[in-house]
Amino acid sequence: MPECACGCGEPTKKGKYLQGHEQQLRKQLEEKVGGLPLLASLVKVTQMYAQDRMSLEGLGRLVRLIYQKD
């Protein structure tokens, strides 16, 4: 039986998440980064890096800036 993708370790009968755990994971991620706008910024800069539109140094610099905003 697969485990819940939120990281709780609980088994799921079907799907990736237990009921309500997808929202719990989203909330935890938002809190770790400092809110939904900063999470969106983090996704944007990692996409730019993955598309070879940003250097590793540039990615590191922007990630540090994102986490310093809290």
Foldseek 3Di string as FASTA:
>chain_A
DDAAPLPPRHDDPDDRHDPPSVVVSVVVVQVQQPHDVLVVVLVVLVVCVVVVNDDPVRNVVVSVVSSVPD
